């Protein structure tokens, strides 16, 4: 009978431990939903600030001077400071650039780090895609890294590859 009690005890212990290990650490708790809503507002405000040529708001949403912005060109990898210098002339216009976020931004959060991907539309580039990493500093989410890219339909990719190979890149 002792063996049966021990076996049941071991089973209960292992079952309890396995249930705890299977917790979903990316769950949608109420706090996560509130944080995602806040992140959505911040990223939308960031895009709107560029559209309104509001450089102060735009660059205040970027975390720090070493944060990274990557554009669509292979040479467009800038720190916040470099990006601010590069874009200075754009922010002197009525609109620096306009990317309109589409519904359905995907956001994941782990502790004080969030990452997202989004689809954007713009008049000059058409459909684009953005991917970002945000860090929470106190109560405020800031963009630490952002990459803007152009999605290329699979049936067009070979032509795009050939064009790039044949360019003075």
Protein backbone atom coordinates (compact mmCIF):
# COMPACT_ATOMS: atom_id res chain seq x y z
CA UNK A 1 0.00 0.00 0.00
CA UNK A 2 2.92 2.37 0.65
CA UNK A 3 3.99 2.05 -2.99
CA UNK A 4 0.52 3.13 -4.15
CA UNK A 5 0.55 6.14 -1.80
CA UNK A 6 4.03 7.09 -2.97
CA UNK A 7 3.03 6.68 -6.63
CA UNK A 8 -0.06 8.85 -6.12
CA UNK A 9 2.01 11.46 -4.26
CA UNK A 10 4.58 11.53 -7.04
CA UNK A 11 1.81 11.79 -9.66
CA UNK A 12 0.15 14.70 -7.82
CA UNK A 13 3.50 16.45 -7.41
CA UNK A 14 4.45 16.03 -11.09
CA UNK A 15 0.99 17.08 -12.25
CA UNK A 16 1.13 20.22 -10.13
CA UNK A 17 4.62 21.13 -11.35
CA UNK A 18 3.72 20.49 -14.99
CA UNK A 19 0.66 22.73 -14.74
CA UNK A 20 2.82 25.53 -13.37
CA UNK A 21 5.44 25.08 -16.12
CA UNK A 22 2.79 25.31 -18.82
CA UNK A 23 1.68 28.80 -17.81
CA UNK A 24 1.41 31.17 -20.74
CA UNK A 25 3.88 33.96 -20.01
CA UNK A 26 2.44 36.02 -22.86
CA UNK A 27 -1.10 35.90 -21.54
CA UNK A 28 -3.63 38.62 -22.19
CA UNK A 29 -4.24 39.83 -18.68
CA UNK A 30 -6.13 43.05 -18.09
CA UNK A 31 -2.79 44.79 -17.50
CA UNK A 32 -1.46 43.48 -20.84
CA UNK A 33 -4.55 44.75 -22.64
CA UNK A 34 -4.12 48.19 -21.06
CA UNK A 35 -0.41 48.23 -21.92
CA UNK A 36 -1.17 47.21 -25.53
CA UNK A 37 -3.73 50.01 -25.82
CA UNK A 38 -1.14 52.45 -24.47
CA UNK A 39 1.50 51.18 -26.92
CA UNK A 40 -0.98 51.54 -29.80
CA UNK A 41 -1.63 55.16 -28.78
CA UNK A 42 2.08 55.93 -28.53
CA UNK A 43 2.98 54.40 -31.90
CA UNK A 44 -0.01 56.12 -33.56
CA UNK A 45 1.12 59.43 -32.00
CA UNK A 46 4.64 58.84 -33.31
CA UNK A 47 3.39 58.38 -36.88
CA UNK A 48 1.09 61.40 -36.54
CA UNK A 49 3.96 63.55 -35.25
CA UNK A 50 5.94 62.82 -38.43
CA UNK A 51 2.92 63.60 -40.57
CA UNK A 52 2.53 66.94 -38.77
CA UNK A 53 6.30 67.65 -38.87
CA UNK A 54 6.34 67.72 -35.05
CA UNK A 55 9.97 66.74 -34.46
CA UNK A 56 9.82 67.31 -30.71
CA UNK A 57 7.05 64.75 -30.16
CA UNK A 58 8.47 62.39 -32.76
CA UNK A 59 11.96 62.21 -31.28
CA UNK A 60 10.76 62.23 -27.65
CA UNK A 61 8.98 58.92 -28.35
CA UNK A 62 12.33 57.36 -29.34
CA UNK A 63 14.01 55.98 -26.22
CA UNK A 64 17.52 57.43 -26.26
CA UNK A 65 20.37 58.72 -28.41
CA UNK A 66 21.55 55.16 -29.16
CA UNK A 67 18.13 53.87 -30.23
CA UNK A 68 18.01 52.65 -33.82
CA UNK A 69 15.86 53.51 -36.83
CA UNK A 70 16.31 51.40 -39.96
CA UNK A 71 14.86 52.65 -43.23
CA UNK A 72 14.22 50.76 -46.45
CA UNK A 73 17.61 51.46 -48.03
CA UNK A 74 20.56 49.25 -47.08
CA UNK A 75 22.46 52.31 -45.82
CA UNK A 76 19.64 53.62 -43.63
CA UNK A 77 20.60 52.52 -40.13
CA UNK A 78 20.74 55.47 -37.79
CA UNK A 79 20.95 56.16 -34.10
CA UNK A 80 18.38 58.64 -32.83
CA UNK A 81 20.97 61.42 -33.06
CA UNK A 82 21.95 60.51 -36.63
CA UNK A 83 18.31 60.14 -37.67
CA UNK A 84 17.45 63.51 -36.17
CA UNK A 85 20.27 65.14 -38.15
CA UNK A 86 19.36 63.32 -41.38
CA UNK A 87 15.66 64.21 -41.13
CA UNK A 88 16.05 67.85 -40.06
CA UNK A 89 15.12 69.20 -43.52
CA UNK A 90 12.04 66.97 -43.69
CA UNK A 91 10.72 68.30 -40.39
CA UNK A 92 10.98 71.88 -41.69
CA UNK A 93 8.18 71.12 -44.17
CA UNK A 94 4.45 70.97 -43.48
CA UNK A 95 4.77 67.19 -43.21
CA UNK A 96 7.98 65.21 -42.77
CA UNK A 97 6.40 62.00 -44.11
CA UNK A 98 3.11 60.21 -43.66
CA UNK A 99 2.62 56.54 -42.88
CA UNK A 100 -0.91 55.60 -41.90
CA UNK A 101 -1.12 52.57 -39.61
CA UNK A 102 -3.68 49.96 -40.61
CA UNK A 103 -5.78 48.10 -38.07
CA UNK A 104 -4.33 44.98 -36.59
CA UNK A 105 -0.98 45.98 -35.11
CA UNK A 106 0.44 42.87 -33.39
CA UNK A 107 1.95 43.53 -29.96
CA UNK A 108 3.66 41.19 -27.51
CA UNK A 109 4.89 42.17 -24.06
CA UNK A 110 7.35 40.54 -21.67
CA UNK A 111 8.08 42.52 -18.52
CA UNK A 112 9.33 45.97 -19.60
CA UNK A 113 9.92 45.06 -23.25
CA UNK A 114 7.33 45.04 -26.02
CA UNK A 115 7.65 44.26 -29.70
CA UNK A 116 5.22 44.92 -32.48
CA UNK A 117 4.68 44.68 -36.20
CA UNK A 118 2.35 46.81 -38.25
CA UNK A 119 1.16 47.45 -41.77
CA UNK A 120 1.35 51.02 -42.99
CA UNK A 121 0.12 52.86 -46.06
CA UNK A 122 1.71 55.94 -47.57
CA UNK A 123 1.15 57.92 -50.76
CA UNK A 124 4.80 57.89 -51.79
CA UNK A 125 5.71 54.26 -50.91
CA UNK A 126 2.40 52.41 -50.93
CA UNK A 127 2.09 49.51 -48.49
CA UNK A 128 4.97 49.21 -46.06
CA UNK A 129 5.64 47.30 -42.89
CA UNK A 130 7.08 48.43 -39.59
CA UNK A 131 8.62 46.37 -36.78
CA UNK A 132 9.55 47.87 -33.47
CA UNK A 133 10.88 47.11 -30.03
CA UNK A 134 9.77 49.28 -27.13
CA UNK A 135 11.10 49.58 -23.59
CA UNK A 136 9.20 50.80 -20.60
CA UNK A 137 11.01 53.46 -18.63
CA UNK A 138 9.02 53.96 -15.45
CA UNK A 139 5.46 54.26 -16.74
CA UNK A 140 6.34 55.38 -20.27
CA UNK A 141 6.86 53.17 -23.31
CA UNK A 142 9.51 54.37 -25.78
CA UNK A 143 10.73 53.04 -29.12
CA UNK A 144 14.16 51.46 -28.81
CA UNK A 145 14.42 50.03 -32.32
CA UNK A 146 12.25 50.46 -35.42
CA UNK A 147 12.59 49.00 -38.91
CA UNK A 148 10.60 50.18 -41.93
CA UNK A 149 10.42 47.70 -44.80
CA UNK A 150 8.66 47.08 -48.08
CA UNK A 151 6.79 43.79 -48.36
CA UNK A 152 7.42 42.25 -51.77
CA UNK A 153 4.88 39.82 -53.20
CA UNK A 154 6.45 36.41 -53.80
CA UNK A 155 5.55 36.44 -57.49
CA UNK A 156 7.55 39.69 -57.94
CA UNK A 157 10.59 38.84 -55.84
CA UNK A 158 12.79 37.46 -58.65
CA UNK A 159 12.41 40.68 -60.64
CA UNK A 160 13.22 42.77 -57.57
CA UNK A 161 16.29 40.64 -56.84
CA UNK A 162 17.47 41.05 -60.45
CA UNK A 163 16.92 44.82 -60.31
CA UNK A 164 18.97 45.10 -57.12
CA UNK A 165 21.75 42.87 -58.48
CA UNK A 166 21.96 44.96 -61.67
CA UNK A 167 21.93 48.33 -59.90
CA UNK A 168 24.97 50.29 -58.77
CA UNK A 169 24.20 49.28 -55.22
